[in-house]
Amino acid sequence: MSGNVLTSKLSSGYELPMIGLGTYARKAEPGQYCQAVEWGIETGYRHIDTASCYKNEVEVGEGITKKINQGIVSRSDLFITTKLWNDSHARADVIPALKSSLSNLKLDYVDLYLIHWPVSVNDKGVDTGIDFVETWKGMEEAVKLGLAKSIGVSNFNEDQLERLMKNSNIKPAVNQIEINPTLSQHKLVNFCKERSVVPVAYTPLGLISEARPEFIGKDIIKTDSKLGELAKKYGKTRAQIALRYLVQRGVPVLPKSFTKSRIEENFNIFDFNLDEQAMAVVDSYNINHRCVPGSDFAKFKFYPF
């Protein structure tokens, strides 16, 4: 790993950068993912996060390949995460799914492979009820085969994580969950840390789409006056304050953007420290509001929320 990015040590022995580039988008123009990855790597991001269900692994891989071929980075400088989708939870399906992702990304291995959700659903949207403990056996095989350096989970609750840890040979290195100022997740974050599982924040800036009525009035990062005062005090943007708050809690963050200036801005959070009072202000915004409730999975057996 490149030495100029702060990292968190994983139980697998590898270093996870404290900031990564998220690549999820509801809609994106052709070439946008590739361009964002290129800008991200040029800016200094060394962790790129994608997933098979994002349908962007090919473009993400193109961006990575371009920067490696240009000599900007080597493969060993980068930390690449992708995720297993819900329709491949049978133990026998895990390795083929990962190999498909690797082919899309044009990589020999990923640094981190995650079970995207604990639920198991087929391509027709039917709950197949496959236990994530079985899925995990396939994940462990990925490590043994050298296809993934570290493995972990995403969107797992405390009980699910505990059960998985009791039934695993390789412990999950990461639990990637939604964490942001309006969903602070202290209990789950502490639970993970106590078990040497690194909690990684997706949707670290909260609001995904103002078009969705359930978000109206909850976009504190853009509108709250106290946060505006903090931004002024530290000479930073509101988003930088929010990201710094998470990093100071020891939580790696995955902000996503397709705008060059914002990709650069989000990265620029390592040259200041929030004092206790500022941390308390950001912490006070918690309303346990999920931007990503996974409501489509609510009726399924292993739904985590």
C-alpha atoms as a PDB file:
ATOM      1  CA  MET A   1       0.000   0.000   0.000  1.00  0.00           C
ATOM      2  CA  SER A   2       1.048   3.564  -0.687  1.00  0.00           C
ATOM      3  CA  GLY A   3       2.369   5.170   2.477  1.00  0.00           C
ATOM      4  CA  ASN A   4       0.677   8.580   2.182  1.00  0.00           C
ATOM      5  CA  VAL A   5      -2.856   7.495   3.129  1.00  0.00           C
ATOM      6  CA  LEU A   6      -3.864   6.754   6.724  1.00  0.00           C
ATOM      7  CA  THR A   7      -4.882   3.126   7.163  1.00  0.00           C
ATOM      8  CA  SER A   8      -6.676   0.784   9.544  1.00  0.00           C
ATOM      9  CA  LYS A   9      -5.133  -2.609  10.307  1.00  0.00           C
ATOM     10  CA  LEU A  10      -7.371  -5.552   9.429  1.00  0.00           C
ATOM     11  CA  SER A  11      -7.445  -8.822  11.368  1.00  0.00           C
ATOM     12  CA  SER A  12      -6.170 -10.462   8.159  1.00  0.00           C
ATOM     13  CA  GLY A  13      -2.938  -8.484   8.538  1.00  0.00           C
ATOM     14  CA  TYR A  14      -3.554  -6.110   5.624  1.00  0.00           C
ATOM     15  CA  GLU A  15      -3.977  -2.330   5.764  1.00  0.00           C
ATOM     16  CA  LEU A  16      -7.274  -0.725   4.729  1.00  0.00           C
ATOM     17  CA  PRO A  17      -7.075   2.968   3.712  1.00  0.00           C
ATOM     18  CA  MET A  18      -9.170   5.271   5.911  1.00  0.00           C
ATOM     19  CA  ILE A  19     -10.785   6.761   2.827  1.00  0.00           C
ATOM     20  CA  GLY A  20     -11.968   4.995  -0.310  1.00  0.00           C
ATOM     21  CA  LEU A  21     -13.832   6.008  -3.424  1.00  0.00           C
ATOM     22  CA  GLY A  22     -17.406   4.732  -3.475  1.00  0.00           C
ATOM     23  CA  THR A  23     -18.758   4.002  -6.968  1.00  0.00           C
ATOM     24  CA  TYR A  24     -22.462   3.267  -6.491  1.00  0.00           C
ATOM     25  CA  ALA A  25     -24.914   5.363  -8.528  1.00  0.00           C
ATOM     26  CA  ARG A  26     -28.568   4.936  -9.392  1.00  0.00           C
ATOM     27  CA  LYS A  27     -27.809   6.368 -12.813  1.00  0.00           C
ATOM     28  CA  ALA A  28     -24.535   7.207 -14.532  1.00  0.00           C
ATOM     29  CA  GLU A  29     -23.511   8.166 -18.028  1.00  0.00           C
ATOM     30  CA  PRO A  30     -21.262   5.771 -19.996  1.00  0.00           C
ATOM     31  CA  GLY A  31     -17.658   6.392 -18.989  1.00  0.00           C
ATOM     32  CA  GLN A  32     -18.535   8.163 -15.728  1.00  0.00           C
ATOM     33  CA  TYR A  33     -17.372   5.343 -13.465  1.00  0.00           C
ATOM     34  CA  CYS A  34     -14.071   4.983 -15.301  1.00  0.00           C
ATOM     35  CA  GLN A  35     -13.495   8.745 -15.181  1.00  0.00           C
ATOM     36  CA  ALA A  36     -14.277   8.913 -11.436  1.00  0.00           C
ATOM     37  CA  VAL A  37     -11.816   6.101 -10.718  1.00  0.00           C
ATOM     38  CA  GLU A  38      -9.108   7.833 -12.761  1.00  0.00           C
ATOM     39  CA  TRP A  39      -9.678  11.132 -10.964  1.00  0.00           C
ATOM     40  CA  GLY A  40      -9.752   9.324  -7.633  1.00  0.00           C
ATOM     41  CA  ILE A  41      -6.423   7.588  -8.174  1.00  0.00           C
ATOM     42  CA  GLU A  42      -4.847  10.821  -9.453  1.00  0.00           C
ATOM     43  CA  THR A  43      -6.093  12.583  -6.314  1.00  0.00           C
ATOM     44  CA  GLY A  44      -4.545   9.958  -4.025  1.00  0.00           C
ATOM     45  CA  TYR A  45      -7.323   7.484  -3.307  1.00  0.00           C
ATOM     46  CA  ARG A  46      -5.916   3.979  -3.035  1.00  0.00           C
ATOM     47  CA  HIS A  47      -9.094   2.174  -2.023  1.00  0.00           C
ATOM     48  CA  ILE A  48     -11.744   1.723  -4.723  1.00  0.00           C
ATOM     49  CA  ASP A  49     -15.066   0.158  -3.661  1.00  0.00           C
ATOM     50  CA  THR A  50     -17.458  -1.514  -6.100  1.00  0.00           C
ATOM     51  CA  ALA A  51     -19.880  -4.474  -6.202  1.00  0.00           C
ATOM     52  CA  SER A  52     -21.180  -6.916  -8.760  1.00  0.00           C
ATOM     53  CA  CYS A  53     -24.709  -5.511  -8.388  1.00  0.00           C
ATOM     54  CA  TYR A  54     -23.520  -1.992  -9.291  1.00  0.00           C
ATOM     55  CA  LYS A  55     -22.979  -3.258 -12.850  1.00  0.00           C
ATOM     56  CA  ASN A  56     -19.891  -1.053 -13.135  1.00  0.00           C
ATOM     57  CA  GLU A  57     -17.000  -3.455 -12.478  1.00  0.00           C
ATOM     58  CA  VAL A  58     -15.904  -3.334 -16.141  1.00  0.00           C
ATOM     59  CA  GLU A  59     -15.606   0.466 -16.105  1.00  0.00           C
ATOM     60  CA  VAL A  60     -14.027   0.517 -12.659  1.00  0.00           C
ATOM     61  CA  GLY A  61     -11.497  -2.016 -13.943  1.00  0.00           C
ATOM     62  CA  GLU A  62     -10.778   0.153 -16.989  1.00  0.00           C
ATOM     63  CA  GLY A  63      -9.985   3.122 -14.752  1.00  0.00           C
ATOM     64  CA  ILE A  64      -7.678   1.011 -12.591  1.00  0.00           C
ATOM     65  CA  THR A  65      -5.918  -0.507 -15.618  1.00  0.00           C
ATOM     66  CA  LYS A  66      -5.343   2.912 -17.198  1.00  0.00           C
ATOM     67  CA  LYS A  67      -3.667   4.306 -14.084  1.00  0.00           C
ATOM     68  CA  ILE A  68      -1.500   1.196 -13.653  1.00  0.00           C
ATOM     69  CA  ASN A  69      -0.470   1.297 -17.333  1.00  0.00           C
ATOM     70  CA  GLN A  70       0.375   4.995 -17.012  1.00  0.00           C
ATOM     71  CA  GLY A  71       2.673   4.191 -14.085  1.00  0.00           C
ATOM     72  CA  ILE A  72       0.670   6.375 -11.664  1.00  0.00           C
ATOM     73  CA  VAL A  73       0.231   3.386  -9.333  1.00  0.00           C
ATOM     74  CA  SER A  74       1.152  -0.272  -9.199  1.00  0.00           C
ATOM     75  CA  ARG A  75      -1.387  -2.972  -8.364  1.00  0.00           C
ATOM     76  CA  SER A  76       0.174  -3.369  -4.914  1.00  0.00           C
ATOM     77  CA  ASP A  77      -0.511   0.312  -4.164  1.00  0.00           C
ATOM     78  CA  LEU A  78      -4.234  -0.253  -4.556  1.00  0.00           C
ATOM     79  CA  PHE A  79      -6.880  -1.767  -2.297  1.00  0.00           C
ATOM     80  CA  ILE A  80      -9.850  -2.995  -4.341  1.00  0.00           C
ATOM     81  CA  THR A  81     -13.139  -4.127  -2.779  1.00  0.00           C
ATOM     82  CA  THR A  82     -16.034  -5.843  -4.506  1.00  0.00           C
ATOM     83  CA  LYS A  83     -19.053  -7.706  -3.211  1.00  0.00           C
ATOM     84  CA  LEU A  84     -20.970 -10.962  -3.660  1.00  0.00           C
ATOM     85  CA  TRP A  85     -24.591 -10.421  -4.646  1.00  0.00           C
ATOM     86  CA  ASN A  86     -27.591 -12.092  -2.994  1.00  0.00           C
ATOM     87  CA  ASP A  87     -28.217 -14.519  -5.875  1.00  0.00           C
ATOM     88  CA  SER A  88     -24.864 -16.308  -5.400  1.00  0.00           C
ATOM     89  CA  HIS A  89     -25.025 -17.323  -1.732  1.00  0.00           C
ATOM     90  CA  ALA A  90     -24.792 -21.091  -2.277  1.00  0.00           C
ATOM     91  CA  ARG A  91     -21.300 -22.198  -1.281  1.00  0.00           C
ATOM     92  CA  ALA A  92     -20.653 -23.554  -4.795  1.00  0.00           C
ATOM     93  CA  ASP A  93     -21.618 -20.204  -6.371  1.00  0.00           C
ATOM     94  CA  VAL A  94     -19.223 -17.953  -4.452  1.00  0.00           C
ATOM     95  CA  ILE A  95     -16.008 -18.690  -6.353  1.00  0.00           C
ATOM     96  CA  PRO A  96     -17.630 -18.490  -9.828  1.00  0.00           C
ATOM     97  CA  ALA A  97     -19.194 -15.145  -8.836  1.00  0.00           C
ATOM     98  CA  LEU A  98     -15.842 -13.826  -7.631  1.00  0.00           C
ATOM     99  CA  LYS A  99     -14.084 -15.056 -10.773  1.00  0.00           C
ATOM    100  CA  SER A 100     -16.683 -13.224 -12.854  1.00  0.00           C
ATOM    101  CA  SER A 101     -15.999 -10.021 -10.884  1.00  0.00           C
ATOM    102  CA  LEU A 102     -12.247 -10.477 -11.302  1.00  0.00           C
ATOM    103  CA  SER A 103     -12.702 -10.946 -15.036  1.00  0.00           C
ATOM    104  CA  ASN A 104     -14.750  -7.728 -15.213  1.00  0.00           C
ATOM    105  CA  LEU A 105     -12.172  -5.841 -13.164  1.00  0.00           C
ATOM    106  CA  LYS A 106      -9.248  -7.382 -15.097  1.00  0.00           C
ATOM    107  CA  LEU A 107      -7.603  -8.335 -11.806  1.00  0.00           C
ATOM    108  CA  ASP A 108      -6.034 -11.523 -10.462  1.00  0.00           C
ATOM    109  CA  TYR A 109      -7.319 -10.881  -6.938  1.00  0.00           C
ATOM    110  CA  VAL A 110      -9.301  -8.393  -4.881  1.00  0.00           C
ATOM    111  CA  ASP A 111      -8.029  -7.034  -1.603  1.00  0.00           C
ATOM    112  CA  LEU A 112     -11.428  -7.395   0.045  1.00  0.00           C
ATOM    113  CA  TYR A 113     -14.468  -9.474  -0.893  1.00  0.00           C
ATOM    114  CA  LEU A 114     -17.704  -8.879   1.009  1.00  0.00           C
ATOM    115  CA  ILE A 115     -21.043 -10.640   1.365  1.00  0.00           C
ATOM    116  CA  HIS A 116     -23.140  -7.662   0.246  1.00  0.00           C
ATOM    117  CA  TRP A 117     -26.249  -8.507   2.313  1.00  0.00           C
ATOM    118  CA  PRO A 118     -27.033 -11.373   4.691  1.00  0.00           C
ATOM    119  CA  VAL A 119     -30.214 -12.121   2.716  1.00  0.00           C
ATOM    120  CA  SER A 120     -30.253 -14.740  -0.036  1.00  0.00           C
ATOM    121  CA  VAL A 121     -32.513 -14.010  -2.995  1.00  0.00           C
ATOM    122  CA  ASN A 122     -32.639 -15.550  -6.475  1.00  0.00           C
ATOM    123  CA  ASP A 123     -32.800 -13.538  -9.710  1.00  0.00           C
ATOM    124  CA  LYS A 124     -36.606 -13.720  -9.589  1.00  0.00           C
ATOM    125  CA  GLY A 125     -36.661 -11.980  -6.203  1.00  0.00           C
ATOM    126  CA  VAL A 126     -37.580 -15.120  -4.264  1.00  0.00           C
ATOM    127  CA  ASP A 127     -36.065 -15.766  -0.843  1.00  0.00           C
ATOM    128  CA  THR A 128     -33.878 -18.869  -1.150  1.00  0.00           C
ATOM    129  CA  GLY A 129     -33.121 -18.924   2.581  1.00  0.00           C
ATOM    130  CA  ILE A 130     -29.474 -19.931   2.131  1.00  0.00           C
ATOM    131  CA  ASP A 131     -27.695 -19.451   5.434  1.00  0.00           C
ATOM    132  CA  PHE A 132     -24.867 -16.892   5.293  1.00  0.00           C
ATOM    133  CA  VAL A 133     -22.781 -19.350   7.346  1.00  0.00           C
ATOM    134  CA  GLU A 134     -22.798 -21.617   4.281  1.00  0.00           C
ATOM    135  CA  THR A 135     -21.951 -18.645   2.050  1.00  0.00           C
ATOM    136  CA  TRP A 136     -19.005 -17.849   4.308  1.00  0.00           C
ATOM    137  CA  LYS A 137     -17.445 -21.250   3.620  1.00  0.00           C
ATOM    138  CA  GLY A 138     -17.218 -20.212  -0.040  1.00  0.00           C
ATOM    139  CA  MET A 139     -15.702 -16.886   1.031  1.00  0.00           C
ATOM    140  CA  GLU A 140     -13.034 -18.725   3.028  1.00  0.00           C
ATOM    141  CA  GLU A 141     -12.220 -20.765  -0.082  1.00  0.00           C
ATOM    142  CA  ALA A 142     -11.619 -17.485  -1.944  1.00  0.00           C
ATOM    143  CA  VAL A 143      -8.835 -16.652   0.534  1.00  0.00           C
ATOM    144  CA  LYS A 144      -7.316 -20.134   0.272  1.00  0.00           C
ATOM    145  CA  LEU A 145      -7.288 -19.835  -3.532  1.00  0.00           C
ATOM    146  CA  GLY A 146      -5.613 -16.427  -3.372  1.00  0.00           C
ATOM    147  CA  LEU A 147      -8.544 -14.727  -5.123  1.00  0.00           C
ATOM    148  CA  ALA A 148      -9.283 -12.446  -2.151  1.00  0.00           C
ATOM    149  CA  LYS A 149      -6.719 -11.268   0.393  1.00  0.00           C
ATOM    150  CA  SER A 150      -9.336 -10.405   2.994  1.00  0.00           C
ATOM    151  CA  ILE A 151     -13.027 -11.236   3.360  1.00  0.00           C
ATOM    152  CA  GLY A 152     -15.833  -9.569   5.229  1.00  0.00           C
ATOM    153  CA  VAL A 153     -19.498  -8.683   5.277  1.00  0.00           C
ATOM    154  CA  SER A 154     -21.800  -5.742   4.672  1.00  0.00           C
ATOM    155  CA  ASN A 155     -25.133  -4.818   6.282  1.00  0.00           C
ATOM    156  CA  PHE A 156     -24.805  -7.450   9.032  1.00  0.00           C
ATOM    157  CA  ASN A 157     -26.347  -6.762  12.437  1.00  0.00           C
ATOM    158  CA  GLU A 158     -24.780  -7.697  15.766  1.00  0.00           C
ATOM    159  CA  ASP A 159     -26.461 -11.098  16.121  1.00  0.00           C
ATOM    160  CA  GLN A 160     -25.582 -12.072  12.548  1.00  0.00           C
ATOM    161  CA  LEU A 161     -21.966 -11.006  12.967  1.00  0.00           C
ATOM    162  CA  GLU A 162     -21.653 -12.865  16.261  1.00  0.00           C
ATOM    163  CA  ARG A 163     -23.125 -16.028  14.783  1.00  0.00           C
ATOM    164  CA  LEU A 164     -20.844 -15.855  11.760  1.00  0.00           C
ATOM    165  CA  MET A 165     -17.760 -15.413  13.936  1.00  0.00           C
ATOM    166  CA  LYS A 166     -18.694 -18.491  15.971  1.00  0.00           C
ATOM    167  CA  ASN A 167     -19.005 -20.554  12.786  1.00  0.00           C
ATOM    168  CA  SER A 168     -15.949 -19.432  10.830  1.00  0.00           C
ATOM    169  CA  ASN A 169     -12.320 -20.407  10.414  1.00  0.00           C
ATOM    170  CA  ILE A 170     -11.400 -16.998   8.988  1.00  0.00           C
ATOM    171  CA  LYS A 171     -13.027 -14.136  10.872  1.00  0.00           C
ATOM    172  CA  PRO A 172     -14.678 -11.343   8.861  1.00  0.00           C
ATOM    173  CA  ALA A 173     -12.199  -8.466   8.618  1.00  0.00           C
ATOM    174  CA  VAL A 174     -14.806  -5.797   7.864  1.00  0.00           C
ATOM    175  CA  ASN A 175     -18.498  -5.002   8.299  1.00  0.00           C
ATOM    176  CA  GLN A 176     -19.384  -2.322   5.744  1.00  0.00           C
ATOM    177  CA  ILE A 177     -22.468  -0.512   7.028  1.00  0.00           C
ATOM    178  CA  GLU A 178     -24.265   2.786   6.620  1.00  0.00           C
ATOM    179  CA  ILE A 179     -22.765   5.275   9.094  1.00  0.00           C
ATOM    180  CA  ASN A 180     -23.167   9.048   8.899  1.00  0.00           C
ATOM    181  CA  PRO A 181     -24.142  11.967  11.157  1.00  0.00           C
ATOM    182  CA  THR A 182     -27.861  11.085  11.065  1.00  0.00           C
ATOM    183  CA  LEU A 183     -27.132   7.354  11.587  1.00  0.00           C
ATOM    184  CA  SER A 184     -24.200   7.312  14.001  1.00  0.00           C
ATOM    185  CA  GLN A 185     -24.382   3.555  14.792  1.00  0.00           C
ATOM    186  CA  HIS A 186     -22.283   3.790  17.972  1.00  0.00           C
ATOM    187  CA  LYS A 187     -23.534   0.469  19.362  1.00  0.00           C
ATOM    188  CA  LEU A 188     -22.775  -1.540  16.227  1.00  0.00           C
ATOM    189  CA  VAL A 189     -19.478   0.277  15.614  1.00  0.00           C
ATOM    190  CA  ASN A 190     -18.301  -0.542  19.153  1.00  0.00           C
ATOM    191  CA  PHE A 191     -19.545  -4.125  18.817  1.00  0.00           C
ATOM    192  CA  CYS A 192     -17.455  -4.542  15.646  1.00  0.00           C
ATOM    193  CA  LYS A 193     -14.336  -2.964  17.130  1.00  0.00           C
ATOM    194  CA  GLU A 194     -14.521  -5.138  20.250  1.00  0.00           C
ATOM    195  CA  ARG A 195     -14.339  -8.156  17.924  1.00  0.00           C
ATOM    196  CA  SER A 196     -11.519  -6.774  15.732  1.00  0.00           C
ATOM    197  CA  VAL A 197     -13.915  -6.252  12.825  1.00  0.00           C
ATOM    198  CA  VAL A 198     -13.332  -2.882  11.134  1.00  0.00           C
ATOM    199  CA  PRO A 199     -16.600  -0.947  10.659  1.00  0.00           C
ATOM    200  CA  VAL A 200     -16.479   0.789   7.259  1.00  0.00           C
ATOM    201  CA  ALA A 201     -18.939   3.590   6.461  1.00  0.00           C
ATOM    202  CA  TYR A 202     -20.898   3.626   3.237  1.00  0.00           C
ATOM    203  CA  THR A 203     -23.190   6.587   2.510  1.00  0.00           C
ATOM    204  CA  PRO A 204     -21.000   8.563   4.967  1.00  0.00           C
ATOM    205  CA  LEU A 205     -22.618  11.864   3.967  1.00  0.00           C
ATOM    206  CA  GLY A 206     -26.146  10.622   4.516  1.00  0.00           C
ATOM    207  CA  LEU A 207     -28.703  11.792   2.020  1.00  0.00           C
ATOM    208  CA  ILE A 208     -28.729   9.922  -1.304  1.00  0.00           C
ATOM    209  CA  SER A 209     -31.589  11.539  -3.196  1.00  0.00           C
ATOM    210  CA  GLU A 210     -33.626  14.605  -2.371  1.00  0.00           C
ATOM    211  CA  ALA A 211     -36.276  13.252  -4.760  1.00  0.00           C
ATOM    212  CA  ARG A 212     -37.309  10.656  -2.171  1.00  0.00           C
ATOM    213  CA  PRO A 213     -39.940  12.094   0.196  1.00  0.00           C
ATOM    214  CA  GLU A 214     -38.642  10.260   3.266  1.00  0.00           C
ATOM    215  CA  PHE A 215     -35.474  12.381   3.113  1.00  0.00           C
ATOM    216  CA  ILE A 216     -37.160  15.788   3.235  1.00  0.00           C
ATOM    217  CA  GLY A 217     -35.892  17.741   6.230  1.00  0.00           C
ATOM    218  CA  LYS A 218     -33.165  15.206   7.029  1.00  0.00           C
ATOM    219  CA  ASP A 219     -30.375  16.713   4.920  1.00  0.00           C
ATOM    220  CA  ILE A 220     -28.597  18.191   7.921  1.00  0.00           C
ATOM    221  CA  ILE A 221     -25.184  18.250   6.249  1.00  0.00           C
ATOM    222  CA  LYS A 222     -26.400  20.748   3.668  1.00  0.00           C
ATOM    223  CA  THR A 223     -28.718  22.830   5.847  1.00  0.00           C
ATOM    224  CA  ASP A 224     -27.751  22.905   9.548  1.00  0.00           C
ATOM    225  CA  SER A 225     -26.404  26.280  10.673  1.00  0.00           C
ATOM    226  CA  LYS A 226     -24.192  24.848  13.456  1.00  0.00           C
ATOM    227  CA  LEU A 227     -22.433  22.644  10.907  1.00  0.00           C
ATOM    228  CA  GLY A 228     -21.984  25.712   8.702  1.00  0.00           C
ATOM    229  CA  GLU A 229     -20.288  27.495  11.621  1.00  0.00           C
ATOM    230  CA  LEU A 230     -17.964  24.522  12.168  1.00  0.00           C
ATOM    231  CA  ALA A 231     -17.057  24.488   8.487  1.00  0.00           C
ATOM    232  CA  LYS A 232     -16.203  28.191   8.714  1.00  0.00           C
ATOM    233  CA  LYS A 233     -14.169  27.707  11.899  1.00  0.00           C
ATOM    234  CA  TYR A 234     -12.021  24.939  10.381  1.00  0.00           C
ATOM    235  CA  GLY A 235     -11.843  26.406   6.872  1.00  0.00           C
ATOM    236  CA  LYS A 236     -13.416  23.244   5.476  1.00  0.00           C
ATOM    237  CA  THR A 237     -16.665  22.282   3.774  1.00  0.00           C
ATOM    238  CA  ARG A 238     -19.639  20.755   5.568  1.00  0.00           C
ATOM    239  CA  ALA A 239     -18.941  17.413   3.884  1.00  0.00           C
ATOM    240  CA  GLN A 240     -15.304  17.474   5.028  1.00  0.00           C
ATOM    241  CA  ILE A 241     -16.432  18.046   8.621  1.00  0.00           C
ATOM    242  CA  ALA A 242     -18.837  15.097   8.399  1.00  0.00           C
ATOM    243  CA  LEU A 243     -16.185  12.788   6.925  1.00  0.00           C
ATOM    244  CA  ARG A 244     -13.577  13.913   9.463  1.00  0.00           C
ATOM    245  CA  TYR A 245     -16.029  13.138  12.272  1.00  0.00           C
ATOM    246  CA  LEU A 246     -16.175   9.498  11.130  1.00  0.00           C
ATOM    247  CA  VAL A 247     -12.429   9.155  10.561  1.00  0.00           C
ATOM    248  CA  GLN A 248     -11.772  10.468  14.079  1.00  0.00           C
ATOM    249  CA  ARG A 249     -14.095   7.756  15.381  1.00  0.00           C
ATOM    250  CA  GLY A 250     -11.761   5.245  13.710  1.00  0.00           C
ATOM    251  CA  VAL A 251     -14.245   4.511  10.927  1.00  0.00           C
ATOM    252  CA  PRO A 252     -12.930   4.312   7.324  1.00  0.00           C
ATOM    253  CA  VAL A 253     -15.210   6.172   4.890  1.00  0.00           C
ATOM    254  CA  LEU A 254     -16.398   5.581   1.309  1.00  0.00           C
ATOM    255  CA  PRO A 255     -17.719   8.866  -0.094  1.00  0.00           C
ATOM    256  CA  LYS A 256     -18.815   8.681  -3.722  1.00  0.00           C
ATOM    257  CA  SER A 257     -18.824  11.427  -6.315  1.00  0.00           C
ATOM    258  CA  PHE A 258     -18.573  11.807 -10.079  1.00  0.00           C
ATOM    259  CA  THR A 259     -17.419  15.426  -9.849  1.00  0.00           C
ATOM    260  CA  LYS A 260     -13.649  15.977  -9.917  1.00  0.00           C
ATOM    261  CA  SER A 261     -13.652  18.883  -7.458  1.00  0.00           C
ATOM    262  CA  ARG A 262     -15.770  16.949  -4.971  1.00  0.00           C
ATOM    263  CA  ILE A 263     -13.661  13.802  -5.286  1.00  0.00           C
ATOM    264  CA  GLU A 264     -10.655  15.976  -4.390  1.00  0.00           C
ATOM    265  CA  GLU A 265     -12.507  17.802  -1.608  1.00  0.00           C
ATOM    266  CA  ASN A 266     -13.679  14.577   0.051  1.00  0.00           C
ATOM    267  CA  PHE A 267     -10.091  13.290   0.102  1.00  0.00           C
ATOM    268  CA  ASN A 268      -8.738  16.412   1.783  1.00  0.00           C
ATOM    269  CA  ILE A 269      -9.657  15.536   5.381  1.00  0.00           C
ATOM    270  CA  PHE A 270      -6.351  14.533   6.937  1.00  0.00           C
ATOM    271  CA  ASP A 271      -4.846  17.967   7.708  1.00  0.00           C
ATOM    272  CA  PHE A 272      -7.099  19.012  10.596  1.00  0.00           C
ATOM    273  CA  ASN A 273      -8.655  17.664  13.785  1.00  0.00           C
ATOM    274  CA  LEU A 274     -12.110  18.338  15.198  1.00  0.00           C
ATOM    275  CA  ASP A 275     -12.067  19.222  18.900  1.00  0.00           C
ATOM    276  CA  GLU A 276     -14.366  17.480  21.394  1.00  0.00           C
ATOM    277  CA  GLN A 277     -17.020  20.178  21.125  1.00  0.00           C
ATOM    278  CA  ALA A 278     -17.121  19.901  17.309  1.00  0.00           C
ATOM    279  CA  MET A 279     -17.341  16.102  17.507  1.00  0.00           C
ATOM    280  CA  ALA A 280     -20.251  16.441  19.942  1.00  0.00           C
ATOM    281  CA  VAL A 281     -22.083  18.809  17.579  1.00  0.00           C
ATOM    282  CA  VAL A 282     -21.854  16.351  14.657  1.00  0.00           C
ATOM    283  CA  ASP A 283     -22.729  13.470  16.968  1.00  0.00           C
ATOM    284  CA  SER A 284     -25.898  15.263  18.059  1.00  0.00           C
ATOM    285  CA  TYR A 285     -27.413  14.929  14.581  1.00  0.00           C
ATOM    286  CA  ASN A 286     -28.190  11.237  15.002  1.00  0.00           C
ATOM    287  CA  ILE A 287     -31.848  10.400  14.345  1.00  0.00           C
ATOM    288  CA  ASN A 288     -31.296   6.720  13.433  1.00  0.00           C
ATOM    289  CA  HIS A 289     -32.366   7.519   9.875  1.00  0.00           C
ATOM    290  CA  ARG A 290     -31.379   4.985   7.197  1.00  0.00           C
ATOM    291  CA  CYS A 291     -30.795   6.167   3.646  1.00  0.00           C
ATOM    292  CA  VAL A 292     -30.414   2.524   2.613  1.00  0.00           C
ATOM    293  CA  PRO A 293     -33.042   0.507   4.517  1.00  0.00           C
ATOM    294  CA  GLY A 294     -32.998  -2.391   2.018  1.00  0.00           C
ATOM    295  CA  SER A 295     -36.793  -2.365   2.229  1.00  0.00           C
ATOM    296  CA  ASP A 296     -37.069  -4.743  -0.742  1.00  0.00           C
ATOM    297  CA  PHE A 297     -35.552  -7.432   1.494  1.00  0.00           C
ATOM    298  CA  ALA A 298     -37.682  -6.721   4.576  1.00  0.00           C
ATOM    299  CA  LYS A 299     -39.785  -9.879   4.170  1.00  0.00           C
ATOM    300  CA  PHE A 300     -36.765 -12.177   3.757  1.00  0.00           C
ATOM    301  CA  LYS A 301     -35.369 -14.557   6.327  1.00  0.00           C
ATOM    302  CA  PHE A 302     -32.055 -12.886   7.106  1.00  0.00           C
ATOM    303  CA  TYR A 303     -33.130  -9.245   6.782  1.00  0.00           C
ATOM    304  CA  PRO A 304     -30.760  -7.371   9.131  1.00  0.00           C
ATOM    305  CA  PHE A 305     -32.758  -4.303  10.182  1.00  0.00           C
END
